[in-house]
Protein backbone atom coordinates (compact mmCIF):
# COMPACT_ATOMS: atom_id res chain seq x y z
CA MET A 1 -67.90 64.33 169.65
CA ASN A 2 -68.64 63.85 173.28
CA ASP A 3 -66.62 60.68 173.27
CA ILE A 4 -63.74 62.46 171.59
CA HIS A 5 -63.83 65.33 174.12
CA HIS A 6 -63.99 62.80 176.99
CA VAL A 7 -60.85 61.03 175.71
CA SER A 8 -58.98 64.27 175.21
CA GLY A 9 -59.74 65.34 178.82
CA LYS A 10 -58.54 62.08 180.16
CA ASN A 11 -55.25 62.42 178.25
CA GLY A 12 -54.91 66.01 179.49
CA VAL A 13 -55.19 64.84 183.10
CA SER A 14 -52.66 62.08 182.42
CA MET A 15 -50.21 64.49 180.89
CA ARG A 16 -50.60 66.93 183.76
CA TRP A 17 -50.08 64.06 186.22
CA LEU A 18 -47.00 62.85 184.30
CA THR A 19 -45.58 66.42 184.20
CA ARG A 20 -45.99 66.75 187.99
CA VAL A 21 -44.30 63.37 188.62
CA LEU A 22 -41.42 64.25 186.31
CA SER A 23 -41.06 67.64 188.02
CA ILE A 24 -40.89 65.96 191.39
CA VAL A 25 -38.24 63.43 190.15
CA VAL A 26 -36.19 66.25 188.57
CA ILE A 27 -36.41 68.45 191.71
CA GLY A 28 -35.55 65.45 193.88
CA ALA A 29 -32.49 64.64 191.78
CA LEU A 30 -31.34 68.20 191.92
CA ALA A 31 -31.82 68.21 195.67
CA LEU A 32 -29.76 65.03 196.08
CA THR A 33 -27.04 66.56 193.93
CA ALA A 34 -27.08 69.80 195.90
CA CYS A 35 -27.12 68.11 199.32
CA GLY A 36 -24.27 65.80 198.48
CA PRO A 37 -23.21 62.92 200.73
CA GLU A 38 -25.35 64.05 203.70
CA THR A 39 -28.46 62.61 201.98
CA LEU A 40 -26.86 59.19 201.81
CA VAL A 41 -26.27 58.77 205.52
CA VAL A 42 -29.67 58.27 207.06
CA GLY A 43 -32.79 57.06 205.37
CA LEU A 44 -31.15 54.91 202.79
CA GLU A 45 -30.20 51.28 203.36
CA PRO A 46 -26.51 50.86 204.01
CA THR A 47 -24.41 48.32 202.04
CA THR A 48 -24.45 45.01 203.86
CA LEU A 49 -21.59 42.62 203.23
CA GLN A 50 -22.09 38.84 203.14
CA LYS A 51 -23.22 37.69 206.56
CA HIS A 52 -21.01 35.84 209.04
CA HIS A 53 -22.50 32.84 210.82
CA SER A 54 -21.68 34.34 214.24
CA PRO A 55 -21.38 37.82 215.86
CA VAL A 56 -18.84 40.20 214.43
CA PRO A 57 -17.01 41.99 217.29
CA SER A 58 -14.31 43.62 215.20
CA VAL A 59 -13.84 45.43 211.84
CA ALA A 60 -10.79 47.25 210.54
CA PHE A 61 -9.90 49.11 207.31
CA SER A 62 -6.49 48.68 205.66
CA PRO A 63 -4.43 51.91 205.66
CA ASP A 64 -5.14 52.55 201.99
CA GLY A 65 -8.88 51.96 202.42
CA ALA A 66 -8.97 49.27 199.75
CA LEU A 67 -9.68 46.40 202.18
CA LEU A 68 -11.93 45.77 205.15
CA ALA A 69 -11.32 42.95 207.58
CA SER A 70 -13.97 41.47 209.83
CA GLY A 71 -13.42 39.00 212.62
CA SER A 72 -16.17 36.71 213.80
CA GLN A 73 -16.86 34.51 216.78
CA ASP A 74 -17.13 31.58 214.45
CA GLY A 75 -13.36 31.65 214.09
CA THR A 76 -13.24 33.22 210.63
CA VAL A 77 -11.68 36.34 209.36
CA ARG A 78 -12.98 37.77 206.13
CA VAL A 79 -11.19 40.37 204.04
CA TRP A 80 -13.39 42.39 201.68
CA GLN A 81 -12.35 44.48 198.73
CA VAL A 82 -14.14 47.82 199.12
CA ALA A 83 -12.07 50.18 197.04
CA ASP A 84 -15.06 51.69 195.28
CA ASP A 85 -18.89 51.59 195.09
CA GLN A 86 -18.85 48.86 192.41
CA ARG A 87 -17.06 46.48 194.70
CA PHE A 88 -19.26 46.87 197.73
CA GLY A 89 -20.91 43.56 198.70
CA GLN A 90 -18.69 41.32 196.59
CA ALA A 91 -17.50 37.95 197.89
CA PRO A 92 -14.57 38.20 200.31
CA LEU A 93 -11.06 38.51 198.87
CA HIS A 94 -9.89 36.05 201.58
CA THR A 95 -11.79 33.90 204.03
CA LEU A 96 -9.39 32.67 206.74
CA LYS A 97 -10.61 29.90 209.03
CA VAL A 98 -8.71 29.12 212.19
CA SER A 99 -8.96 26.53 214.87
CA THR A 100 -7.15 25.85 218.16
CA GLY A 101 -6.34 22.43 219.56
CA GLY A 102 -8.69 20.69 217.14
CA GLN A 103 -11.61 22.85 218.32
CA GLU A 104 -13.05 25.81 216.50
CA ALA A 105 -12.18 29.19 217.94
CA GLY A 106 -14.93 30.25 220.31
CA TYR A 107 -14.75 33.86 219.41
CA SER A 108 -12.46 36.60 218.25
CA HIS A 109 -12.12 40.03 219.78
CA ASP A 110 -9.98 42.01 217.44
CA VAL A 111 -8.44 42.27 213.94
CA ALA A 112 -5.69 44.80 213.08
CA PHE A 113 -3.86 45.79 209.97
CA SER A 114 -0.20 46.71 210.07
CA PRO A 115 0.44 50.37 209.15
CA ASP A 116 1.68 49.42 205.71
CA GLY A 117 -1.35 47.21 205.10
CA THR A 118 0.66 44.13 204.20
CA VAL A 119 -0.18 42.11 207.39
CA LEU A 120 -3.40 41.29 209.22
CA ALA A 121 -3.36 40.21 212.84
CA PHE A 122 -6.12 38.17 214.51
CA GLY A 123 -6.33 37.18 218.17
CA LEU A 124 -7.41 33.75 219.43
CA PRO A 125 -8.82 32.24 222.62
CA ASP A 126 -5.68 30.14 223.19
CA GLY A 127 -3.64 33.31 223.73
CA SER A 128 -2.01 33.20 220.34
CA VAL A 129 -2.16 35.76 217.48
CA ARG A 130 -2.04 34.82 213.84
CA LEU A 131 -0.39 37.14 211.28
CA TRP A 132 -1.41 36.78 207.67
CA GLN A 133 0.14 38.22 204.49
CA MET A 134 -2.51 40.15 202.65
CA SER A 135 -1.10 39.59 199.16
CA ASP A 136 -2.05 35.92 199.15
CA GLY A 137 -3.58 35.14 202.55
CA ALA A 138 -0.63 33.10 203.60
CA LEU A 139 0.07 32.59 207.34
CA LEU A 140 3.29 34.39 208.32
CA HIS A 141 3.58 33.86 212.06
CA THR A 142 1.74 32.43 215.02
CA LEU A 143 2.66 34.51 218.09
CA GLU A 144 2.36 32.32 221.18
CA GLY A 145 1.21 33.84 224.45
CA GLN A 146 0.81 32.47 227.99
CA SER A 147 -1.68 34.88 229.34
CA GLY A 148 -5.08 33.54 228.20
CA LYS A 149 -7.52 34.68 225.52
CA VAL A 150 -6.54 37.59 223.37
CA CYS A 151 -9.14 40.41 223.66
CA SER A 152 -7.58 43.32 221.84
CA LEU A 153 -4.85 44.13 219.33
CA ALA A 154 -2.97 47.23 218.12
CA PHE A 155 0.09 47.74 215.92
CA SER A 156 2.57 50.48 216.82
CA PRO A 157 2.64 53.38 214.29
CA ASN A 158 5.89 52.11 212.78
CA GLY A 159 4.52 48.54 212.52
CA ARG A 160 7.37 46.98 214.50
CA VAL A 161 5.45 46.10 217.63
CA LEU A 162 2.14 44.37 218.12
CA ALA A 163 0.29 44.83 221.45
CA ALA A 164 -2.22 42.27 222.63
CA GLY A 165 -4.50 42.67 225.62
CA THR A 166 -5.54 39.42 227.26
CA TRP A 167 -8.48 38.17 229.27
CA ASP A 168 -6.30 37.48 232.31
CA GLY A 169 -4.92 41.06 232.50
CA PRO A 170 -1.37 41.08 231.06
CA ILE A 171 -0.49 42.97 227.84
CA ASN A 172 1.95 41.19 225.55
CA LEU A 173 4.28 43.14 223.23
CA TRP A 174 5.61 41.21 220.28
CA ARG A 175 8.09 42.14 217.59
CA ALA A 176 5.89 41.86 214.52
CA THR A 177 8.68 40.99 212.07
CA ASP A 178 9.72 37.65 213.64
CA GLY A 179 7.19 37.05 216.49
CA THR A 180 9.56 37.56 219.38
CA LEU A 181 7.84 38.30 222.69
CA LEU A 182 9.49 41.57 223.78
CA ARG A 183 7.85 42.14 227.20
CA THR A 184 4.71 41.57 229.20
CA MET A 185 3.12 44.49 231.05
CA GLU A 186 1.01 43.66 234.11
CA GLY A 187 -1.28 45.95 236.02
CA HIS A 188 -4.83 45.11 235.03
CA THR A 189 -6.83 42.56 237.05
CA GLY A 190 -9.44 41.76 234.37
CA GLY A 191 -9.70 41.35 230.66
CA VAL A 192 -7.92 44.05 228.67
CA VAL A 193 -10.70 44.76 226.15
CA SER A 194 -8.98 47.65 224.26
CA VAL A 195 -5.43 48.77 223.55
CA ALA A 196 -4.28 51.77 221.46
CA PHE A 197 -0.92 53.36 220.60
CA SER A 198 -0.61 57.14 220.50
CA PRO A 199 0.14 58.51 217.00
CA ASP A 200 3.81 59.12 217.93
CA GLY A 201 4.13 55.60 219.40
CA THR A 202 5.45 56.67 222.79
CA THR A 203 2.27 55.87 224.79
CA LEU A 204 0.13 52.77 224.94
CA ALA A 205 -3.39 53.09 226.41
CA SER A 206 -5.17 50.04 227.81
CA THR A 207 -8.48 49.48 229.49
CA SER A 208 -10.22 46.81 231.43
CA LEU A 209 -13.89 46.45 232.34
CA ASP A 210 -13.16 46.19 236.06
CA GLY A 211 -10.51 48.80 236.51
CA PRO A 212 -9.04 52.11 235.42
CA THR A 213 -7.73 52.99 232.05
CA LYS A 214 -3.98 52.89 232.07
CA LEU A 215 -1.40 54.80 230.02
CA TRP A 216 2.07 53.26 229.60
CA ASP A 217 5.44 54.53 228.41
CA THR A 218 6.30 52.21 225.56
CA THR A 219 10.03 52.74 225.81
CA ASN A 220 10.32 51.16 229.31
CA ALA A 221 6.81 49.74 229.89
CA THR A 222 6.25 51.89 232.99
CA LEU A 223 2.85 53.20 234.03
CA ILE A 224 2.42 56.93 233.34
CA HIS A 225 -1.14 57.63 234.48
CA GLU A 226 -4.51 56.12 235.29
CA LEU A 227 -7.98 57.38 234.48
CA GLU A 228 -10.25 56.03 237.22
CA THR A 229 -13.27 55.61 234.93
CA PRO A 230 -13.43 52.01 233.55
CA ALA A 231 -13.94 51.87 229.81
CA ALA A 232 -14.99 49.34 227.25
CA SER A 233 -13.03 51.01 224.41
CA ILE A 234 -10.41 53.68 223.84
CA ALA A 235 -9.04 55.59 220.88
CA PHE A 236 -6.47 58.37 220.42
CA SER A 237 -7.28 61.38 218.28
CA PRO A 238 -5.21 61.52 215.09
CA ASP A 239 -3.11 64.38 216.47
CA GLY A 240 -2.62 62.66 219.81
CA SER A 241 -4.07 65.51 221.88
CA MET A 242 -7.09 63.53 223.10
CA LEU A 243 -8.13 60.11 224.27
CA ALA A 244 -11.72 58.93 223.75
CA THR A 245 -13.27 56.45 226.18
CA ALA A 246 -16.51 54.50 226.01
CA GLY A 247 -17.76 53.93 229.54
CA ALA A 248 -18.04 50.30 230.76
CA ALA A 249 -20.16 51.07 233.83
CA ASP A 250 -22.25 53.89 232.29
CA ASP A 251 -23.50 55.16 228.94
CA GLN A 252 -20.99 57.93 228.53
CA ARG A 253 -18.45 58.57 225.73
CA ARG A 254 -15.78 60.97 227.01
CA LEU A 255 -12.86 62.97 225.65
CA TRP A 256 -9.72 63.41 227.79
CA SER A 257 -6.84 65.83 227.38
CA MET A 258 -3.46 64.14 226.94
CA ASP A 259 -1.72 67.28 228.30
CA ASP A 260 -3.07 67.20 231.84
CA TRP A 261 -5.42 64.15 231.83
CA SER A 262 -8.42 66.39 232.40
CA LEU A 263 -11.93 65.66 231.14
CA ILE A 264 -12.62 67.85 228.05
CA ARG A 265 -16.25 66.91 227.55
CA GLU A 266 -18.87 64.19 227.57
CA LEU A 267 -20.59 63.55 224.30
CA GLU A 268 -24.25 64.40 223.90
CA SER A 269 -26.96 61.70 224.03
CA ALA A 270 -24.54 58.76 224.35
CA ARG A 271 -26.01 55.29 224.78
CA GLY A 272 -24.14 52.38 226.30
CA GLY A 273 -23.02 48.99 225.23
CA MET A 274 -19.80 47.23 224.41
CA GLY A 275 -19.26 49.09 221.12
CA ASN A 276 -15.84 50.60 220.42
CA VAL A 277 -15.07 54.20 219.55
CA ASP A 278 -13.18 55.52 216.54
CA PHE A 279 -12.01 58.97 215.37
CA SER A 280 -12.39 60.12 211.80
CA PRO A 281 -9.07 60.62 210.04
CA ASP A 282 -9.31 64.36 210.34
CA GLY A 283 -10.17 64.13 214.05
CA LYS A 284 -13.41 66.04 213.64
CA LEU A 285 -15.85 63.15 214.26
CA LEU A 286 -16.09 60.36 216.75
CA ALA A 287 -18.23 57.24 216.06
CA ALA A 288 -19.50 54.46 218.32
CA GLY A 289 -21.92 51.59 218.29
CA ASN A 290 -24.32 50.73 221.08
CA ALA A 291 -26.64 48.06 222.51
CA TRP A 292 -29.67 49.74 220.88
CA TYR A 293 -28.54 48.47 217.41
CA GLU A 294 -27.37 51.95 216.45
CA VAL A 295 -24.33 53.56 214.93
CA ARG A 296 -23.77 57.15 216.20
CA TRP A 297 -21.25 59.85 215.41
CA TRP A 298 -20.53 63.15 217.15
CA ARG A 299 -18.78 66.40 216.36
CA VAL A 300 -15.61 66.38 218.53
CA ALA A 301 -15.41 70.20 218.76
CA ASP A 302 -18.55 70.51 220.98
CA GLY A 303 -19.69 66.91 221.55
CA ALA A 304 -22.91 67.40 219.58
CA LEU A 305 -24.64 64.28 218.27
CA LEU A 306 -24.72 64.55 214.45
CA ARG A 307 -26.22 61.29 213.23
CA THR A 308 -27.94 58.16 214.46
CA ALA A 309 -28.07 55.33 211.92
CA LYS A 310 -29.98 52.16 212.61
CA GLY A 311 -29.86 49.11 210.38
CA HIS A 312 -28.51 46.25 212.49
CA THR A 313 -30.78 43.89 214.38
CA ASP A 314 -28.46 43.43 217.42
CA SER A 315 -25.78 45.29 219.39
CA VAL A 316 -23.16 47.13 217.33
CA ASN A 317 -19.80 46.16 218.81
CA SER A 318 -17.34 47.66 216.39
CA VAL A 319 -17.00 50.71 214.16
CA ALA A 320 -14.15 51.90 211.93
CA PHE A 321 -13.75 54.89 209.64
CA SER A 322 -12.15 54.44 206.21
CA PRO A 323 -8.85 56.29 205.81
CA ASP A 324 -10.53 58.96 203.66
CA GLY A 325 -13.30 59.42 206.27
CA LYS A 326 -16.10 58.85 203.73
CA ILE A 327 -17.24 55.42 204.94
CA LEU A 328 -18.00 54.05 208.37
CA ALA A 329 -17.98 50.25 208.82
CA SER A 330 -19.91 48.63 211.65
CA GLY A 331 -19.84 45.03 212.91
CA SER A 332 -22.71 43.62 214.94
CA LEU A 333 -23.77 40.65 217.06
CA ASP A 334 -26.30 40.00 214.30
CA GLY A 335 -23.42 38.64 212.16
CA THR A 336 -23.46 41.47 209.59
CA VAL A 337 -20.98 44.11 208.54
CA LYS A 338 -22.51 47.31 207.20
CA LEU A 339 -20.96 50.28 205.35
CA TRP A 340 -22.43 53.77 205.93
CA ARG A 341 -21.85 57.01 204.03
CA VAL A 342 -20.39 59.75 206.22
CA PRO A 343 -21.26 63.35 205.48
């Protein structure tokens, strides 16, 4: 009888322990459901796409959010299909390898989708830009430049013009449909590391590491204004009312008014590095990478730091929001591209 009572007690303890575990699991599941996407941002491993063999200085989503392009310093561009959770981490849809003059491309600084998502642009060290057709990965055009390495790319909102900032300072504007060089804008004395069109297409912003950020009238290529603070990256807000800059000489991320060029605010707890900045599609968030291996995003309304996510093992040089604002992609010098949930 003592043996029977002993066994029953042991089972009773086991049942109580199992009940407590099940309760914790159920409560945890309910909490995750109640909290929604916020619980998926920090604390869970982000999706990591197949690793490049070299640093990844640029990532870009297609306008419909179905594709993600990543450009690497090994001279490859990879296009990933990321339309839903089940496709995250799959093999690339296209892997495009380029070379210049018989030698592999030393690095790439930017990839950019056309506004309709049918064309992908990729800048090269020889000053040229390749345009690929996304339906089959076929090369459409090679845009030839005479101004040195291509550092930055941006399509105009209507997709007709492609701007390319170069390491020697000039900015080339090409007609995207046939590759005709329309004009070259000169004013920077160093590498133009970031270019961006305003949402209405009337203004082009450009920035160099050793000089002021410049704003140009795209209709006649004249200089409109200069922001004396050098920047490593720039981005227009979706409504065109603000310009975000990531400081080149300091750790600051700043927001500027496009009405009177005044400083609106500096973002809280910014950390430096060559990482770019990107607005969420609704304009409420701003994200940036930094040299501390982090991805950070802020609330634009007051500059408050909302999240710090760390998963890379080297500097984060590029970030991009998906068109629906639910995913943030980051490219790093560690050769990886990661996808993060955004609350």
